[in-house]
Amino acid sequence: MPGEDFMSWSVTAASNANADAGINWQENQPRNSVNNSARSMMAAMAKDRKLRNGGYITTGTANAQIITSDVGYTAGAAPTGIIVRPKVGPALTNTGPMTLQLDATTAAPVKDLLGGDVMSGNWIAGSYPEVIFDGTNWLLIGSVVGWATGDIKLTYKSVADDGWIMMDDGSIGDATSGGTTRANADTLGLFTLFYASPFTDATAPIQTSSGAATTRAAQGAAATAYATHCRLVLPATKGRALSAAGAGSGLTAHTLGSTFGSEASDVPGHSHGISFDDIGIPGGDGSSGSFIVSHLRDYPLGTGVVVSQQTSVGGTNVSPSIYLNVMIKL
């Protein structure tokens, strides 16, 4: 262990004479060394404080990040039980499973509290995640388990949470794509999801960075389209009711991401079978019977009685509704 390190201290006072290589608390030590030992204890506490308060900014890549501390941990595993809370470096939001390395220790996977790989966006640039090392993995304390790329949630918020975007019928892509909803490297996972089948150029259109229409066939694989700064237009969501994709029993099949329906509705021309009895109608002949009334013309029912019908009737037929915003996980 390096010197001035909390993790080398013992809970048994008598064992701390030289437990820390950088602090001397042995019996009969020279009087002029006491102040140095006290100052080293202060330094050790300050280093630990900095490890826990975001004083260190991660470096490396989005899915392989490094914390370089003032403690200077050496090769091998990080100390079991150490807790750190770094500030995630600029543009280092993770895009999938990731590792963390503390100083020169061996990089280890970052997991959620159930032992699963962290998901895209669990480790967000500029945030202060807290992790504890269990001897094998870094466990993300307070991590949200269950949200993955493409998951959605309904909200009354008008601004998306960190790691999420609004389904606002806009577009996404990398930092130079010109994406109108989000243009950032953390969109790769969602871009890839919507690029693949069953989504199509009709349900999730592809555009160049200038906004011109292009196609999946022209661009090739999702990674290629993303690398050439294409945008992907999110499936149309605003103002629409959400329904389950697939083919329910006896119902029409609807593909994931497809849209259907119209606000306006027409009642087409059609016929009704009706019965009549004009007894009691002035001028009636006392007859009764039945016939078909078509929506294509007027029919007299005895003297002075006419049923008038239209060829079609326009209007709306909307269930009582309330409108919310939709967020989707990057």
C-alpha atoms as a PDB file:
ATOM      1  CA  MET A   1       0.000   0.000   0.000  1.00  0.00           C
ATOM      2  CA  PRO A   2       1.215   3.537  -0.635  1.00  0.00           C
ATOM      3  CA  GLY A   3       1.698   5.937   2.227  1.00  0.00           C
ATOM      4  CA  GLU A   4      -0.905   8.355   3.637  1.00  0.00           C
ATOM      5  CA  ASP A   5      -3.693   5.936   2.777  1.00  0.00           C
ATOM      6  CA  PHE A   6      -6.856   5.460   4.835  1.00  0.00           C
ATOM      7  CA  MET A   7      -7.265   1.938   3.494  1.00  0.00           C
ATOM      8  CA  SER A   8      -4.081   0.725   5.235  1.00  0.00           C
ATOM      9  CA  TRP A   9      -5.144   1.893   8.685  1.00  0.00           C
ATOM     10  CA  SER A  10      -6.267  -0.602  11.306  1.00  0.00           C
ATOM     11  CA  VAL A  11      -9.321  -0.399  13.562  1.00  0.00           C
ATOM     12  CA  THR A  12      -7.042  -1.620  16.337  1.00  0.00           C
ATOM     13  CA  ALA A  13      -5.081   1.334  17.654  1.00  0.00           C
ATOM     14  CA  ALA A  14      -2.061  -0.711  18.717  1.00  0.00           C
ATOM     15  CA  SER A  15      -1.657  -1.976  15.164  1.00  0.00           C
ATOM     16  CA  ASN A  16      -1.215   1.494  13.712  1.00  0.00           C
ATOM     17  CA  ALA A  17       2.355   2.071  14.817  1.00  0.00           C
ATOM     18  CA  ASN A  18       3.614   1.640  11.282  1.00  0.00           C
ATOM     19  CA  ALA A  19       0.531   0.316   9.465  1.00  0.00           C
ATOM     20  CA  ASP A  20       0.769   3.252   7.083  1.00  0.00           C
ATOM     21  CA  ALA A  21       4.085   3.405   5.270  1.00  0.00           C
ATOM     22  CA  GLY A  22       3.917   7.193   5.203  1.00  0.00           C
ATOM     23  CA  ILE A  23       3.000   7.784   8.867  1.00  0.00           C
ATOM     24  CA  ASN A  24       5.164   6.933  11.865  1.00  0.00           C
ATOM     25  CA  TRP A  25       3.297   6.355  15.150  1.00  0.00           C
ATOM     26  CA  GLN A  26       5.730   3.962  16.798  1.00  0.00           C
ATOM     27  CA  GLU A  27       6.453   4.027  20.498  1.00  0.00           C
ATOM     28  CA  ASN A  28       9.378   6.234  21.513  1.00  0.00           C
ATOM     29  CA  GLN A  29       9.485   7.996  18.158  1.00  0.00           C
ATOM     30  CA  PRO A  30      11.530  11.194  18.115  1.00  0.00           C
ATOM     31  CA  ARG A  31       9.609  14.193  19.348  1.00  0.00           C
ATOM     32  CA  ASN A  32      10.380  16.150  16.210  1.00  0.00           C
ATOM     33  CA  SER A  33       8.636  13.473  14.073  1.00  0.00           C
ATOM     34  CA  VAL A  34       5.253  13.842  15.767  1.00  0.00           C
ATOM     35  CA  ASN A  35       4.253  16.934  13.826  1.00  0.00           C
ATOM     36  CA  ASN A  36       5.170  15.206  10.563  1.00  0.00           C
ATOM     37  CA  SER A  37       3.021  12.207  11.488  1.00  0.00           C
ATOM     38  CA  ALA A  38       0.066  14.450  12.341  1.00  0.00           C
ATOM     39  CA  ARG A  39       0.437  16.338   9.099  1.00  0.00           C
ATOM     40  CA  SER A  40       0.594  13.073   7.158  1.00  0.00           C
ATOM     41  CA  MET A  41      -2.653  11.975   8.813  1.00  0.00           C
ATOM     42  CA  MET A  42      -4.237  15.218   7.648  1.00  0.00           C
ATOM     43  CA  ALA A  43      -2.960  14.568   4.135  1.00  0.00           C
ATOM     44  CA  ALA A  44      -4.366  11.023   4.171  1.00  0.00           C
ATOM     45  CA  MET A  45      -7.786  12.332   5.202  1.00  0.00           C
ATOM     46  CA  ALA A  46      -7.667  15.024   2.539  1.00  0.00           C
ATOM     47  CA  LYS A  47      -6.831  12.447  -0.134  1.00  0.00           C
ATOM     48  CA  ASP A  48      -9.729  10.278   0.966  1.00  0.00           C
ATOM     49  CA  ARG A  49     -12.023  13.320   0.974  1.00  0.00           C
ATOM     50  CA  LYS A  50     -10.976  14.140  -2.569  1.00  0.00           C
ATOM     51  CA  LEU A  51     -11.652  10.555  -3.653  1.00  0.00           C
ATOM     52  CA  ARG A  52     -15.219  10.858  -2.342  1.00  0.00           C
ATOM     53  CA  ASN A  53     -16.236  14.417  -3.282  1.00  0.00           C
ATOM     54  CA  GLY A  54     -15.644  14.454  -7.022  1.00  0.00           C
ATOM     55  CA  GLY A  55     -12.191  15.940  -6.723  1.00  0.00           C
ATOM     56  CA  TYR A  56     -10.832  13.628  -9.415  1.00  0.00           C
ATOM     57  CA  ILE A  57     -12.100  13.732 -13.009  1.00  0.00           C
ATOM     58  CA  THR A  58     -12.090  10.490 -14.953  1.00  0.00           C
ATOM     59  CA  THR A  59     -10.063  10.108 -18.131  1.00  0.00           C
ATOM     60  CA  GLY A  60      -9.719   7.324 -20.700  1.00  0.00           C
ATOM     61  CA  THR A  61     -12.579   6.325 -22.982  1.00  0.00           C
ATOM     62  CA  ALA A  62     -16.337   6.104 -22.434  1.00  0.00           C
ATOM     63  CA  ASN A  63     -16.232   2.411 -21.547  1.00  0.00           C
ATOM     64  CA  ALA A  64     -12.723   2.188 -20.022  1.00  0.00           C
ATOM     65  CA  GLN A  65     -12.238   5.022 -17.545  1.00  0.00           C
ATOM     66  CA  ILE A  66      -9.374   5.889 -15.199  1.00  0.00           C
ATOM     67  CA  ILE A  67      -9.166   7.756 -11.899  1.00  0.00           C
ATOM     68  CA  THR A  68      -5.715   9.156 -11.134  1.00  0.00           C
ATOM     69  CA  SER A  69      -5.567  10.037  -7.451  1.00  0.00           C
ATOM     70  CA  ASP A  70      -3.001  11.573  -5.101  1.00  0.00           C
ATOM     71  CA  VAL A  71      -2.784   8.284  -3.195  1.00  0.00           C
ATOM     72  CA  GLY A  72      -1.011   6.521  -6.043  1.00  0.00           C
ATOM     73  CA  TYR A  73      -2.292   2.961  -5.701  1.00  0.00           C
ATOM     74  CA  THR A  74       0.059   0.454  -7.325  1.00  0.00           C
ATOM     75  CA  ALA A  75      -0.329  -2.654  -9.457  1.00  0.00           C
ATOM     76  CA  GLY A  76      -2.837  -5.310  -8.479  1.00  0.00           C
ATOM     77  CA  ALA A  77      -6.449  -4.990  -7.414  1.00  0.00           C
ATOM     78  CA  ALA A  78      -7.775  -1.848  -5.788  1.00  0.00           C
ATOM     79  CA  PRO A  79      -8.302  -2.117  -2.013  1.00  0.00           C
ATOM     80  CA  THR A  80     -11.458  -4.080  -1.196  1.00  0.00           C
ATOM     81  CA  GLY A  81     -14.119  -1.827   0.300  1.00  0.00           C
ATOM     82  CA  ILE A  82     -12.751   1.452  -1.015  1.00  0.00           C
ATOM     83  CA  ILE A  83     -15.456   3.937  -1.982  1.00  0.00           C
ATOM     84  CA  VAL A  84     -14.818   6.581  -4.610  1.00  0.00           C
ATOM     85  CA  ARG A  85     -16.983   9.268  -6.176  1.00  0.00           C
ATOM     86  CA  PRO A  86     -15.243  10.834  -9.176  1.00  0.00           C
ATOM     87  CA  LYS A  87     -16.583  13.385 -11.585  1.00  0.00           C
ATOM     88  CA  VAL A  88     -17.117  11.764 -14.973  1.00  0.00           C
ATOM     89  CA  GLY A  89     -14.993  13.471 -17.604  1.00  0.00           C
ATOM     90  CA  PRO A  90     -16.346  15.415 -20.581  1.00  0.00           C
ATOM     91  CA  ALA A  91     -17.939  13.263 -23.312  1.00  0.00           C
ATOM     92  CA  LEU A  92     -17.365  10.102 -21.255  1.00  0.00           C
ATOM     93  CA  THR A  93     -20.957   8.950 -20.817  1.00  0.00           C
ATOM     94  CA  ASN A  94     -20.752   5.167 -21.119  1.00  0.00           C
ATOM     95  CA  THR A  95     -22.358   3.501 -24.126  1.00  0.00           C
ATOM     96  CA  GLY A  96     -22.452  -0.001 -22.653  1.00  0.00           C
ATOM     97  CA  PRO A  97     -20.557  -2.243 -20.186  1.00  0.00           C
ATOM     98  CA  MET A  98     -17.488  -0.462 -18.829  1.00  0.00           C
ATOM     99  CA  THR A  99     -14.404  -0.783 -16.640  1.00  0.00           C
ATOM    100  CA  LEU A 100     -12.807   1.510 -14.077  1.00  0.00           C
ATOM    101  CA  GLN A 101      -9.137   1.715 -13.126  1.00  0.00           C
ATOM    102  CA  LEU A 102      -7.873   3.453  -9.972  1.00  0.00           C
ATOM    103  CA  ASP A 103      -4.295   4.694 -10.429  1.00  0.00           C
ATOM    104  CA  ALA A 104      -2.096   1.730 -11.490  1.00  0.00           C
ATOM    105  CA  THR A 105      -4.446  -0.972 -10.200  1.00  0.00           C
ATOM    106  CA  THR A 106      -6.028  -3.510 -12.513  1.00  0.00           C
ATOM    107  CA  ALA A 107      -9.074  -2.219 -14.381  1.00  0.00           C
ATOM    108  CA  ALA A 108     -12.253  -3.929 -13.155  1.00  0.00           C
ATOM    109  CA  PRO A 109     -15.831  -4.050 -14.482  1.00  0.00           C
ATOM    110  CA  VAL A 110     -18.409  -1.580 -13.212  1.00  0.00           C
ATOM    111  CA  LYS A 111     -21.591  -3.420 -12.201  1.00  0.00           C
ATOM    112  CA  ASP A 112     -24.990  -2.487 -10.803  1.00  0.00           C
ATOM    113  CA  LEU A 113     -25.882  -3.583  -7.270  1.00  0.00           C
ATOM    114  CA  LEU A 114     -27.352  -6.846  -8.570  1.00  0.00           C
ATOM    115  CA  GLY A 115     -24.113  -7.727 -10.336  1.00  0.00           C
ATOM    116  CA  GLY A 116     -25.275  -6.910 -13.858  1.00  0.00           C
ATOM    117  CA  ASP A 117     -23.353  -4.853 -16.376  1.00  0.00           C
ATOM    118  CA  VAL A 118     -24.124  -1.154 -16.264  1.00  0.00           C
ATOM    119  CA  MET A 119     -26.295   0.024 -19.110  1.00  0.00           C
ATOM    120  CA  SER A 120     -25.686   2.773 -21.593  1.00  0.00           C
ATOM    121  CA  GLY A 121     -26.031   6.130 -19.863  1.00  0.00           C
ATOM    122  CA  ASN A 122     -25.705   4.844 -16.277  1.00  0.00           C
ATOM    123  CA  TRP A 123     -22.346   6.679 -16.042  1.00  0.00           C
ATOM    124  CA  ILE A 124     -23.012  10.193 -17.334  1.00  0.00           C
ATOM    125  CA  ALA A 125     -20.476  12.848 -18.304  1.00  0.00           C
ATOM    126  CA  GLY A 126     -20.340  15.588 -15.680  1.00  0.00           C
ATOM    127  CA  SER A 127     -22.107  13.508 -13.019  1.00  0.00           C
ATOM    128  CA  TYR A 128     -20.746  12.148  -9.724  1.00  0.00           C
ATOM    129  CA  PRO A 129     -21.361   8.381  -9.558  1.00  0.00           C
ATOM    130  CA  GLU A 130     -20.376   6.581  -6.364  1.00  0.00           C
ATOM    131  CA  VAL A 131     -18.810   3.109  -6.533  1.00  0.00           C
ATOM    132  CA  ILE A 132     -17.461   0.610  -4.030  1.00  0.00           C
ATOM    133  CA  PHE A 133     -14.894  -2.082  -4.886  1.00  0.00           C
ATOM    134  CA  ASP A 134     -15.930  -5.556  -3.703  1.00  0.00           C
ATOM    135  CA  GLY A 135     -12.619  -7.229  -4.526  1.00  0.00           C
ATOM    136  CA  THR A 136     -13.667  -8.108  -8.070  1.00  0.00           C
ATOM    137  CA  ASN A 137     -15.977  -5.416  -9.415  1.00  0.00           C
ATOM    138  CA  TRP A 138     -16.805  -1.777  -8.888  1.00  0.00           C
ATOM    139  CA  LEU A 139     -20.445  -1.658  -7.747  1.00  0.00           C
ATOM    140  CA  LEU A 140     -22.401   1.436  -8.733  1.00  0.00           C
ATOM    141  CA  ILE A 141     -24.118   2.546  -5.531  1.00  0.00           C
ATOM    142  CA  GLY A 142     -27.677   3.690  -6.023  1.00  0.00           C
ATOM    143  CA  SER A 143     -27.672   2.567  -9.647  1.00  0.00           C
ATOM    144  CA  VAL A 144     -30.974   2.256 -11.451  1.00  0.00           C
ATOM    145  CA  VAL A 145     -31.516  -1.355 -12.438  1.00  0.00           C
ATOM    146  CA  GLY A 146     -33.772  -2.114 -15.368  1.00  0.00           C
ATOM    147  CA  TRP A 147     -33.570   0.895 -17.692  1.00  0.00           C
ATOM    148  CA  ALA A 148     -31.905   0.003 -20.966  1.00  0.00           C
ATOM    149  CA  THR A 149     -31.477   1.686 -24.343  1.00  0.00           C
ATOM    150  CA  GLY A 150     -34.878   2.048 -26.002  1.00  0.00           C
ATOM    151  CA  ASP A 151     -36.960   1.909 -22.816  1.00  0.00           C
ATOM    152  CA  ILE A 152     -39.561   4.666 -22.576  1.00  0.00           C
ATOM    153  CA  LYS A 153     -41.395   6.376 -19.752  1.00  0.00           C
ATOM    154  CA  LEU A 154     -44.295   8.810 -19.619  1.00  0.00           C
ATOM    155  CA  THR A 155     -43.740  12.130 -17.862  1.00  0.00           C
ATOM    156  CA  TYR A 156     -45.131  15.582 -17.241  1.00  0.00           C
ATOM    157  CA  LYS A 157     -41.593  16.959 -17.506  1.00  0.00           C
ATOM    158  CA  SER A 158     -40.692  19.063 -20.515  1.00  0.00           C
ATOM    159  CA  VAL A 159     -36.929  18.477 -20.245  1.00  0.00           C
ATOM    160  CA  ALA A 160     -35.461  14.971 -20.479  1.00  0.00           C
ATOM    161  CA  ASP A 161     -33.580  13.406 -17.564  1.00  0.00           C
ATOM    162  CA  ASP A 162     -29.839  12.806 -17.901  1.00  0.00           C
ATOM    163  CA  GLY A 163     -29.255   9.835 -20.181  1.00  0.00           C
ATOM    164  CA  TRP A 164     -32.686  10.244 -21.805  1.00  0.00           C
ATOM    165  CA  ILE A 165     -34.168  12.263 -24.664  1.00  0.00           C
ATOM    166  CA  MET A 166     -37.682  13.365 -25.489  1.00  0.00           C
ATOM    167  CA  MET A 167     -39.532  11.549 -28.272  1.00  0.00           C
ATOM    168  CA  ASP A 168     -40.250  14.828 -30.034  1.00  0.00           C
ATOM    169  CA  ASP A 169     -40.262  13.605 -33.668  1.00  0.00           C
ATOM    170  CA  GLY A 170     -36.768  15.079 -34.100  1.00  0.00           C
ATOM    171  CA  SER A 171     -33.499  13.380 -35.079  1.00  0.00           C
ATOM    172  CA  ILE A 172     -30.383  12.014 -33.356  1.00  0.00           C
ATOM    173  CA  GLY A 173     -26.776  11.430 -34.372  1.00  0.00           C
ATOM    174  CA  ASP A 174     -23.184  12.175 -33.396  1.00  0.00           C
ATOM    175  CA  ALA A 175     -21.811  15.581 -32.489  1.00  0.00           C
ATOM    176  CA  THR A 176     -21.516  16.735 -36.125  1.00  0.00           C
ATOM    177  CA  SER A 177     -24.686  15.104 -37.448  1.00  0.00           C
ATOM    178  CA  GLY A 178     -26.918  18.127 -36.964  1.00  0.00           C
ATOM    179  CA  GLY A 179     -29.387  15.970 -35.030  1.00  0.00           C
ATOM    180  CA  THR A 180     -32.275  18.183 -33.911  1.00  0.00           C
ATOM    181  CA  THR A 181     -33.150  16.279 -30.737  1.00  0.00           C
ATOM    182  CA  ARG A 182     -29.609  15.333 -29.712  1.00  0.00           C
ATOM    183  CA  ALA A 183     -26.263  15.440 -31.484  1.00  0.00           C
ATOM    184  CA  ASN A 184     -23.820  13.631 -29.202  1.00  0.00           C
ATOM    185  CA  ALA A 185     -21.773  10.421 -29.073  1.00  0.00           C
ATOM    186  CA  ASP A 186     -24.110   8.999 -26.432  1.00  0.00           C
ATOM    187  CA  THR A 187     -26.809   8.483 -29.092  1.00  0.00           C
ATOM    188  CA  LEU A 188     -25.001   5.563 -30.747  1.00  0.00           C
ATOM    189  CA  GLY A 189     -26.909   2.844 -28.895  1.00  0.00           C
ATOM    190  CA  LEU A 190     -30.334   4.306 -29.691  1.00  0.00           C
ATOM    191  CA  PHE A 191     -29.301   5.085 -33.280  1.00  0.00           C
ATOM    192  CA  THR A 192     -28.272   1.431 -33.720  1.00  0.00           C
ATOM    193  CA  LEU A 193     -31.538   0.167 -32.229  1.00  0.00           C
ATOM    194  CA  PHE A 194     -33.733   2.219 -34.556  1.00  0.00           C
ATOM    195  CA  TYR A 195     -31.507   1.544 -37.575  1.00  0.00           C
ATOM    196  CA  ALA A 196     -32.135  -2.204 -37.360  1.00  0.00           C
ATOM    197  CA  SER A 197     -35.191  -4.194 -38.461  1.00  0.00           C
ATOM    198  CA  PRO A 198     -38.148  -3.971 -37.997  1.00  0.00           C
ATOM    199  CA  PHE A 199     -37.598  -0.217 -38.323  1.00  0.00           C
ATOM    200  CA  THR A 200     -37.468   1.022 -41.889  1.00  0.00           C
ATOM    201  CA  ASP A 201     -36.773   4.169 -43.887  1.00  0.00           C
ATOM    202  CA  ALA A 202     -40.490   4.912 -43.506  1.00  0.00           C
ATOM    203  CA  THR A 203     -40.774   4.474 -39.711  1.00  0.00           C
ATOM    204  CA  ALA A 204     -37.328   5.838 -38.723  1.00  0.00           C
ATOM    205  CA  PRO A 205     -35.955   7.776 -41.719  1.00  0.00           C
ATOM    206  CA  ILE A 206     -32.243   8.341 -42.289  1.00  0.00           C
ATOM    207  CA  GLN A 207     -30.841  11.729 -43.256  1.00  0.00           C
ATOM    208  CA  THR A 208     -27.389  13.024 -44.091  1.00  0.00           C
ATOM    209  CA  SER A 209     -25.787  15.633 -41.829  1.00  0.00           C
ATOM    210  CA  SER A 210     -27.265  18.316 -44.091  1.00  0.00           C
ATOM    211  CA  GLY A 211     -30.759  16.947 -43.549  1.00  0.00           C
ATOM    212  CA  ALA A 212     -31.139  15.411 -47.017  1.00  0.00           C
ATOM    213  CA  ALA A 213     -33.006  12.118 -47.205  1.00  0.00           C
ATOM    214  CA  THR A 214     -30.962   8.942 -47.643  1.00  0.00           C
ATOM    215  CA  THR A 215     -31.579   5.239 -47.071  1.00  0.00           C
ATOM    216  CA  ARG A 216     -30.237   2.310 -45.118  1.00  0.00           C
ATOM    217  CA  ALA A 217     -29.372   0.598 -48.389  1.00  0.00           C
ATOM    218  CA  ALA A 218     -27.254   3.573 -49.458  1.00  0.00           C
ATOM    219  CA  GLN A 219     -25.467   3.919 -46.124  1.00  0.00           C
ATOM    220  CA  GLY A 220     -24.799   0.289 -45.257  1.00  0.00           C
ATOM    221  CA  ALA A 221     -24.406  -0.797 -41.637  1.00  0.00           C
ATOM    222  CA  ALA A 222     -25.552   1.322 -38.699  1.00  0.00           C
ATOM    223  CA  ALA A 223     -21.956   1.891 -37.562  1.00  0.00           C
ATOM    224  CA  THR A 224     -21.029   3.162 -41.022  1.00  0.00           C
ATOM    225  CA  ALA A 225     -24.011   5.514 -41.192  1.00  0.00           C
ATOM    226  CA  TYR A 226     -23.228   6.837 -37.721  1.00  0.00           C
ATOM    227  CA  ALA A 227     -19.538   7.327 -38.523  1.00  0.00           C
ATOM    228  CA  THR A 228     -20.461   9.359 -41.618  1.00  0.00           C
ATOM    229  CA  HIS A 229     -22.550  11.648 -39.391  1.00  0.00           C
ATOM    230  CA  CYS A 230     -26.011  10.577 -40.569  1.00  0.00           C
ATOM    231  CA  ARG A 231     -29.065  11.541 -38.570  1.00  0.00           C
ATOM    232  CA  LEU A 232     -31.888   9.177 -37.671  1.00  0.00           C
ATOM    233  CA  VAL A 233     -35.405  10.588 -37.330  1.00  0.00           C
ATOM    234  CA  LEU A 234     -37.166   9.233 -34.252  1.00  0.00           C
ATOM    235  CA  PRO A 235     -40.421   7.315 -34.812  1.00  0.00           C
ATOM    236  CA  ALA A 236     -43.372   9.732 -34.852  1.00  0.00           C
ATOM    237  CA  THR A 237     -44.819   9.947 -31.346  1.00  0.00           C
ATOM    238  CA  LYS A 238     -46.149  13.447 -30.597  1.00  0.00           C
ATOM    239  CA  GLY A 239     -49.940  13.690 -30.431  1.00  0.00           C
ATOM    240  CA  ARG A 240     -50.397   9.946 -30.945  1.00  0.00           C
ATOM    241  CA  ALA A 241     -51.948   7.262 -28.755  1.00  0.00           C
ATOM    242  CA  LEU A 242     -49.502   4.498 -27.787  1.00  0.00           C
ATOM    243  CA  SER A 243     -50.488   0.932 -28.685  1.00  0.00           C
ATOM    244  CA  ALA A 244     -48.843  -2.479 -28.411  1.00  0.00           C
ATOM    245  CA  ALA A 245     -47.182  -3.747 -31.593  1.00  0.00           C
ATOM    246  CA  GLY A 246     -47.941  -7.170 -32.990  1.00  0.00           C
ATOM    247  CA  ALA A 247     -51.006  -9.119 -34.017  1.00  0.00           C
ATOM    248  CA  GLY A 248     -53.569  -9.560 -31.255  1.00  0.00           C
ATOM    249  CA  SER A 249     -56.099 -12.350 -31.661  1.00  0.00           C
ATOM    250  CA  GLY A 250     -58.559 -11.329 -34.348  1.00  0.00           C
ATOM    251  CA  LEU A 251     -56.878  -7.953 -34.816  1.00  0.00           C
ATOM    252  CA  THR A 252     -54.808  -6.369 -37.584  1.00  0.00           C
ATOM    253  CA  ALA A 253     -51.020  -6.782 -37.255  1.00  0.00           C
ATOM    254  CA  HIS A 254     -49.018  -3.603 -36.614  1.00  0.00           C
ATOM    255  CA  THR A 255     -45.217  -3.518 -36.885  1.00  0.00           C
ATOM    256  CA  LEU A 256     -43.071  -2.033 -34.115  1.00  0.00           C
ATOM    257  CA  GLY A 257     -42.635   1.685 -34.766  1.00  0.00           C
ATOM    258  CA  SER A 258     -45.371   1.912 -37.406  1.00  0.00           C
ATOM    259  CA  THR A 259     -48.158   4.494 -37.247  1.00  0.00           C
ATOM    260  CA  PHE A 260     -51.853   4.123 -38.005  1.00  0.00           C
ATOM    261  CA  GLY A 261     -55.106   6.043 -37.856  1.00  0.00           C
ATOM    262  CA  SER A 262     -56.417   9.553 -38.432  1.00  0.00           C
ATOM    263  CA  GLU A 263     -58.002  12.251 -36.311  1.00  0.00           C
ATOM    264  CA  ALA A 264     -60.767  12.819 -38.882  1.00  0.00           C
ATOM    265  CA  SER A 265     -63.366  10.100 -39.453  1.00  0.00           C
ATOM    266  CA  ASP A 266     -66.166   9.710 -42.020  1.00  0.00           C
ATOM    267  CA  VAL A 267     -69.294   7.594 -41.735  1.00  0.00           C
ATOM    268  CA  PRO A 268     -69.618   6.172 -45.266  1.00  0.00           C
ATOM    269  CA  GLY A 269     -72.858   5.872 -47.162  1.00  0.00           C
ATOM    270  CA  HIS A 270     -74.734   2.804 -45.936  1.00  0.00           C
ATOM    271  CA  SER A 271     -78.232   1.350 -45.417  1.00  0.00           C
ATOM    272  CA  HIS A 272     -80.471   0.634 -42.433  1.00  0.00           C
ATOM    273  CA  GLY A 273     -83.346  -1.817 -42.247  1.00  0.00           C
ATOM    274  CA  ILE A 274     -86.317  -0.169 -40.451  1.00  0.00           C
ATOM    275  CA  SER A 275     -89.941  -1.015 -39.681  1.00  0.00           C
ATOM    276  CA  PHE A 276     -92.779   1.433 -40.028  1.00  0.00           C
ATOM    277  CA  ASP A 277     -96.429   1.729 -39.068  1.00  0.00           C
ATOM    278  CA  ASP A 278     -98.210   4.846 -40.281  1.00  0.00           C
ATOM    279  CA  ILE A 279    -101.446   4.194 -38.411  1.00  0.00           C
ATOM    280  CA  GLY A 280    -102.358   7.468 -36.830  1.00  0.00           C
ATOM    281  CA  ILE A 281    -100.382   9.545 -39.302  1.00  0.00           C
ATOM    282  CA  PRO A 282    -102.718  12.024 -40.992  1.00  0.00           C
ATOM    283  CA  GLY A 283    -103.297  10.896 -44.585  1.00  0.00           C
ATOM    284  CA  GLY A 284    -101.787   7.478 -43.903  1.00  0.00           C
ATOM    285  CA  ASP A 285    -103.300   4.376 -45.407  1.00  0.00           C
ATOM    286  CA  GLY A 286    -103.038   2.237 -42.298  1.00  0.00           C
ATOM    287  CA  SER A 287    -100.354  -0.016 -43.764  1.00  0.00           C
ATOM    288  CA  SER A 288     -97.302  -1.384 -42.011  1.00  0.00           C
ATOM    289  CA  GLY A 289     -94.134  -3.197 -43.099  1.00  0.00           C
ATOM    290  CA  SER A 290     -90.398  -2.711 -43.510  1.00  0.00           C
ATOM    291  CA  PHE A 291     -87.909  -1.461 -46.066  1.00  0.00           C
ATOM    292  CA  ILE A 292     -84.309  -0.322 -46.441  1.00  0.00           C
ATOM    293  CA  VAL A 293     -83.338   3.310 -45.955  1.00  0.00           C
ATOM    294  CA  SER A 294     -80.160   4.159 -47.859  1.00  0.00           C
ATOM    295  CA  HIS A 295     -77.943   7.090 -47.049  1.00  0.00           C
ATOM    296  CA  LEU A 296     -78.058   7.960 -50.725  1.00  0.00           C
ATOM    297  CA  ARG A 297     -81.516   9.579 -50.995  1.00  0.00           C
ATOM    298  CA  ASP A 298     -84.671  10.775 -49.195  1.00  0.00           C
ATOM    299  CA  TYR A 299     -87.585   8.440 -48.566  1.00  0.00           C
ATOM    300  CA  PRO A 300     -91.241   9.463 -47.811  1.00  0.00           C
ATOM    301  CA  LEU A 301     -92.966   7.621 -44.985  1.00  0.00           C
ATOM    302  CA  GLY A 302     -96.619   8.217 -45.765  1.00  0.00           C
ATOM    303  CA  THR A 303     -98.146  11.564 -46.463  1.00  0.00           C
ATOM    304  CA  GLY A 304     -95.991  14.462 -45.319  1.00  0.00           C
ATOM    305  CA  VAL A 305     -93.326  12.343 -43.516  1.00  0.00           C
ATOM    306  CA  VAL A 306     -89.816  12.180 -44.986  1.00  0.00           C
ATOM    307  CA  VAL A 307     -86.608  10.568 -43.660  1.00  0.00           C
ATOM    308  CA  SER A 308     -83.602  12.484 -44.992  1.00  0.00           C
ATOM    309  CA  GLN A 309     -80.138  10.883 -45.085  1.00  0.00           C
ATOM    310  CA  GLN A 310     -76.655  11.983 -46.257  1.00  0.00           C
ATOM    311  CA  THR A 311     -74.088  10.133 -48.329  1.00  0.00           C
ATOM    312  CA  SER A 312     -71.505  10.419 -45.507  1.00  0.00           C
ATOM    313  CA  VAL A 313     -71.049  12.221 -42.232  1.00  0.00           C
ATOM    314  CA  GLY A 314     -67.684  13.685 -41.193  1.00  0.00           C
ATOM    315  CA  GLY A 315     -66.571  14.248 -37.614  1.00  0.00           C
ATOM    316  CA  THR A 316     -64.265  13.064 -34.825  1.00  0.00           C
ATOM    317  CA  ASN A 317     -64.515  10.077 -32.565  1.00  0.00           C
ATOM    318  CA  VAL A 318     -61.919  10.466 -29.805  1.00  0.00           C
ATOM    319  CA  SER A 319     -61.985   8.886 -26.365  1.00  0.00           C
ATOM    320  CA  PRO A 320     -61.502  11.229 -23.384  1.00  0.00           C
ATOM    321  CA  SER A 321     -57.738  11.722 -23.321  1.00  0.00           C
ATOM    322  CA  ILE A 322     -54.872  13.359 -21.448  1.00  0.00           C
ATOM    323  CA  TYR A 323     -51.540  14.157 -23.078  1.00  0.00           C
ATOM    324  CA  LEU A 324     -48.083  13.541 -21.596  1.00  0.00           C
ATOM    325  CA  ASN A 325     -44.515  13.635 -22.868  1.00  0.00           C
ATOM    326  CA  VAL A 326     -42.542  10.500 -23.713  1.00  0.00           C
ATOM    327  CA  MET A 327     -38.847  10.020 -22.812  1.00  0.00           C
ATOM    328  CA  ILE A 328     -36.621   7.316 -24.256  1.00  0.00           C
ATOM    329  CA  LYS A 329     -33.411   5.937 -22.754  1.00  0.00           C
ATOM    330  CA  LEU A 330     -30.203   6.546 -24.681  1.00  0.00           C
END
